[in-house]
Amino acid sequence: MNLVDYAGNSIRLTDERLNHIKEHPEMSNNSEKINETLINPDIVIKSKIDEEVRLYYRFYEGLSIGNKYLCY
């Protein structure tokens, strides 16, 4: 799956990663939050492990597990 972030960068989300994300109970019916987070993140952090990877965070209230930052 190819997505676009807030800066117009192309983001590749593999089927393996998408399936992993959907395994989390709070994400099983909320996959649209992936695109929301990429388009309008609260913060973007460069990964400490891989210089090419960016972590996009957005805070959500009222998830099935409570209020939480989601990271993609």
C-alpha atoms as a PDB file:
ATOM      1  CA  MET A   1       0.000   0.000   0.000  1.00  0.00           C
ATOM      2  CA  ASN A   2       1.381   3.410  -0.915  1.00  0.00           C
ATOM      3  CA  LEU A   3       0.318   6.428   1.113  1.00  0.00           C
ATOM      4  CA  VAL A   4       1.336  10.086   1.170  1.00  0.00           C
ATOM      5  CA  ASP A   5       2.361  12.001   4.302  1.00  0.00           C
ATOM      6  CA  TYR A   6       1.741  15.646   5.297  1.00  0.00           C
ATOM      7  CA  ALA A   7       4.811  16.788   3.315  1.00  0.00           C
ATOM      8  CA  GLY A   8       3.873  14.924   0.135  1.00  0.00           C
ATOM      9  CA  ASN A   9       6.360  12.100   0.717  1.00  0.00           C
ATOM     10  CA  SER A  10       5.386   8.663  -0.562  1.00  0.00           C
ATOM     11  CA  ILE A  11       5.064   6.151   2.286  1.00  0.00           C
ATOM     12  CA  ARG A  12       5.208   2.408   1.586  1.00  0.00           C
ATOM     13  CA  LEU A  13       3.204   0.245   3.961  1.00  0.00           C
ATOM     14  CA  THR A  14       3.793  -3.457   3.319  1.00  0.00           C
ATOM     15  CA  ASP A  15       1.022  -6.005   3.708  1.00  0.00           C
ATOM     16  CA  GLU A  16       3.048  -7.584   6.531  1.00  0.00           C
ATOM     17  CA  ARG A  17       3.161  -4.287   8.455  1.00  0.00           C
ATOM     18  CA  LEU A  18      -0.514  -3.549   7.809  1.00  0.00           C
ATOM     19  CA  ASN A  19      -1.490  -7.004   9.058  1.00  0.00           C
ATOM     20  CA  HIS A  20       0.679  -6.490  12.150  1.00  0.00           C
ATOM     21  CA  ILE A  21      -1.001  -3.138  12.850  1.00  0.00           C
ATOM     22  CA  LYS A  22      -4.467  -4.679  12.491  1.00  0.00           C
ATOM     23  CA  GLU A  23      -3.555  -7.380  15.032  1.00  0.00           C
ATOM     24  CA  HIS A  24      -3.707  -4.727  17.765  1.00  0.00           C
ATOM     25  CA  PRO A  25      -7.253  -4.627  19.209  1.00  0.00           C
ATOM     26  CA  GLU A  26      -7.445  -0.832  19.079  1.00  0.00           C
ATOM     27  CA  MET A  27      -6.639  -0.869  15.357  1.00  0.00           C
ATOM     28  CA  SER A  28      -8.727  -3.782  14.080  1.00  0.00           C
ATOM     29  CA  ASN A  29     -11.548  -1.431  12.992  1.00  0.00           C
ATOM     30  CA  ASN A  30      -9.554   1.806  12.799  1.00  0.00           C
ATOM     31  CA  SER A  31      -7.210   1.379   9.841  1.00  0.00           C
ATOM     32  CA  GLU A  32      -8.304   4.818   8.508  1.00  0.00           C
ATOM     33  CA  LYS A  33      -6.328   6.291  11.423  1.00  0.00           C
ATOM     34  CA  ILE A  34      -3.132   5.288   9.603  1.00  0.00           C
ATOM     35  CA  ASN A  35      -3.816   7.806   6.848  1.00  0.00           C
ATOM     36  CA  GLU A  36      -5.043  10.427   9.367  1.00  0.00           C
ATOM     37  CA  THR A  37      -1.812  10.086  11.323  1.00  0.00           C
ATOM     38  CA  LEU A  38       0.380  10.413   8.240  1.00  0.00           C
ATOM     39  CA  ILE A  39      -1.517  13.426   6.904  1.00  0.00           C
ATOM     40  CA  ASN A  40      -1.854  15.251  10.227  1.00  0.00           C
ATOM     41  CA  PRO A  41       0.688  13.924  12.777  1.00  0.00           C
ATOM     42  CA  ASP A  42       1.209  15.553  16.150  1.00  0.00           C
ATOM     43  CA  ILE A  43       4.914  14.807  15.898  1.00  0.00           C
ATOM     44  CA  VAL A  44       7.337  13.058  13.533  1.00  0.00           C
ATOM     45  CA  ILE A  45      10.520  11.528  14.925  1.00  0.00           C
ATOM     46  CA  LYS A  46      13.497  10.028  13.102  1.00  0.00           C
ATOM     47  CA  SER A  47      14.071   6.411  14.097  1.00  0.00           C
ATOM     48  CA  LYS A  48      17.148   5.761  16.240  1.00  0.00           C
ATOM     49  CA  ILE A  49      17.606   2.385  14.551  1.00  0.00           C
ATOM     50  CA  ASP A  50      17.247   3.370  10.883  1.00  0.00           C
ATOM     51  CA  GLU A  51      18.041   6.898   9.650  1.00  0.00           C
ATOM     52  CA  GLU A  52      15.652   6.426   6.697  1.00  0.00           C
ATOM     53  CA  VAL A  53      12.634   5.664   8.905  1.00  0.00           C
ATOM     54  CA  ARG A  54      10.299   8.297  10.339  1.00  0.00           C
ATOM     55  CA  LEU A  55       7.811   7.580  13.127  1.00  0.00           C
ATOM     56  CA  TYR A  56       4.519   9.485  12.863  1.00  0.00           C
ATOM     57  CA  TYR A  57       2.573  10.004  16.103  1.00  0.00           C
ATOM     58  CA  ARG A  58      -0.976  11.249  16.609  1.00  0.00           C
ATOM     59  CA  PHE A  59      -2.986  11.329  19.836  1.00  0.00           C
ATOM     60  CA  TYR A  60      -6.467   9.797  19.836  1.00  0.00           C
ATOM     61  CA  GLU A  61      -9.077   9.972  22.573  1.00  0.00           C
ATOM     62  CA  GLY A  62     -11.728   7.339  23.156  1.00  0.00           C
ATOM     63  CA  LEU A  63     -10.049   4.318  21.601  1.00  0.00           C
ATOM     64  CA  SER A  64     -11.220   0.943  22.868  1.00  0.00           C
ATOM     65  CA  ILE A  65      -8.132   0.920  25.127  1.00  0.00           C
ATOM     66  CA  GLY A  66      -8.499   4.548  26.207  1.00  0.00           C
ATOM     67  CA  ASN A  67      -6.621   7.662  25.143  1.00  0.00           C
ATOM     68  CA  LYS A  68      -3.394   6.884  23.348  1.00  0.00           C
ATOM     69  CA  TYR A  69      -0.755   8.021  20.877  1.00  0.00           C
ATOM     70  CA  LEU A  70      -0.748   5.881  17.763  1.00  0.00           C
ATOM     71  CA  CYS A  71       2.535   5.485  15.901  1.00  0.00           C
ATOM     72  CA  TYR A  72       3.100   4.536  12.265  1.00  0.00           C
END
